[in-house]
Amino acid sequence: MRPILGLRYDLRSAPFGKDHATLYAAMLEQVQWADQLGFTTVTFSEHHVSDDGYLPSPLMAAATVLGATKQIRAMVSAL
């Protein structure tokens, strides 16, 4: 039986943190690495109109990940 290993992202950017482009690039790199290691899922949380950039478009993020990985599955946690 294969273990269930997952990642979760909301891609918030605190005022003292990295910019969104850097966060998204790092997320994609991490997910590709996790895919090679046998992780099974990545989940994207969603929230609109947030000052910290809380991921407003989880379907686009999921599509990007699915296009860049081979085995990992994407899930969306949206309101």
Protein backbone atom coordinates (compact mmCIF):
# COMPACT_ATOMS: atom_id res chain seq x y z
CA MET A 1 0.00 0.00 0.00
CA ARG A 2 1.36 3.41 -1.02
CA PRO A 3 1.41 6.12 1.68
CA ILE A 4 -0.64 9.26 1.14
CA LEU A 5 1.66 12.26 1.14
CA GLY A 6 0.37 15.71 0.36
CA LEU A 7 1.22 19.39 0.15
CA ARG A 8 -1.09 22.36 0.74
CA TYR A 9 -0.67 25.91 -0.51
CA ASP A 10 -2.53 29.18 -0.03
CA LEU A 11 0.31 31.34 -1.41
CA ARG A 12 -0.16 34.24 0.98
CA SER A 13 2.51 36.91 0.88
CA ALA A 14 3.15 38.74 4.13
CA PRO A 15 4.33 42.38 3.87
CA PHE A 16 7.79 41.29 5.05
CA GLY A 17 7.89 38.17 2.83
CA LYS A 18 8.63 37.32 -0.77
CA ASP A 19 6.66 38.68 -3.72
CA HIS A 20 3.99 36.56 -5.41
CA ALA A 21 6.09 35.68 -8.45
CA THR A 22 8.77 34.21 -6.19
CA LEU A 23 6.20 32.29 -4.13
CA TYR A 24 4.52 30.78 -7.20
CA ALA A 25 7.86 29.77 -8.72
CA ALA A 26 8.96 28.14 -5.46
CA MET A 27 5.63 26.32 -5.15
CA LEU A 28 5.95 24.89 -8.65
CA GLU A 29 9.52 23.78 -8.00
CA GLN A 30 8.50 22.15 -4.69
CA VAL A 31 5.56 20.32 -6.27
CA GLN A 32 7.72 18.98 -9.11
CA TRP A 33 10.24 17.72 -6.56
CA ALA A 34 7.47 16.18 -4.43
CA ASP A 35 6.07 14.44 -7.53
CA GLN A 36 9.46 12.79 -8.11
CA LEU A 37 9.53 11.67 -4.47
CA GLY A 38 6.12 10.00 -4.67
CA PHE A 39 3.84 12.58 -3.07
CA THR A 40 0.26 11.91 -4.07
CA THR A 41 -1.64 15.19 -3.70
CA VAL A 42 -1.35 18.95 -3.64
CA THR A 43 -4.23 21.04 -2.29
CA PHE A 44 -4.86 24.69 -3.06
CA SER A 45 -6.89 26.86 -0.67
CA GLU A 46 -8.79 29.83 -2.09
CA HIS A 47 -10.00 33.20 -0.86
CA HIS A 48 -10.90 36.34 -2.81
CA VAL A 49 -10.13 40.00 -2.07
CA SER A 50 -7.43 39.42 0.49
CA ASP A 51 -4.66 41.95 1.14
CA ASP A 52 -2.04 39.22 1.50
CA GLY A 53 -2.84 37.68 -1.88
CA TYR A 54 -4.48 34.52 -0.54
CA LEU A 55 -4.75 32.41 -3.68
CA PRO A 56 -7.69 33.86 -5.67
CA SER A 57 -7.48 31.37 -8.57
CA PRO A 58 -6.85 27.82 -7.33
CA LEU A 59 -8.00 26.19 -10.57
CA MET A 60 -5.26 28.00 -12.49
CA ALA A 61 -2.66 26.96 -9.92
CA ALA A 62 -3.90 23.35 -10.08
CA ALA A 63 -3.80 23.37 -13.90
CA THR A 64 -0.24 24.68 -13.85
CA VAL A 65 0.84 21.95 -11.42
CA LEU A 66 -0.91 19.20 -13.37
CA GLY A 67 0.82 20.36 -16.54
CA ALA A 68 4.22 20.27 -14.86
CA THR A 69 3.98 16.95 -12.99
CA LYS A 70 3.43 13.31 -13.91
CA GLN A 71 1.67 11.56 -11.03
CA ILE A 72 0.52 14.04 -8.40
CA ARG A 73 -3.18 14.89 -8.11
CA ALA A 74 -4.49 18.37 -7.42
CA MET A 75 -7.34 19.22 -5.06
CA VAL A 76 -9.05 22.57 -4.54
CA SER A 77 -10.43 23.77 -1.23
CA ALA A 78 -12.67 26.68 -2.20
CA LEU A 79 -15.56 28.60 -0.70
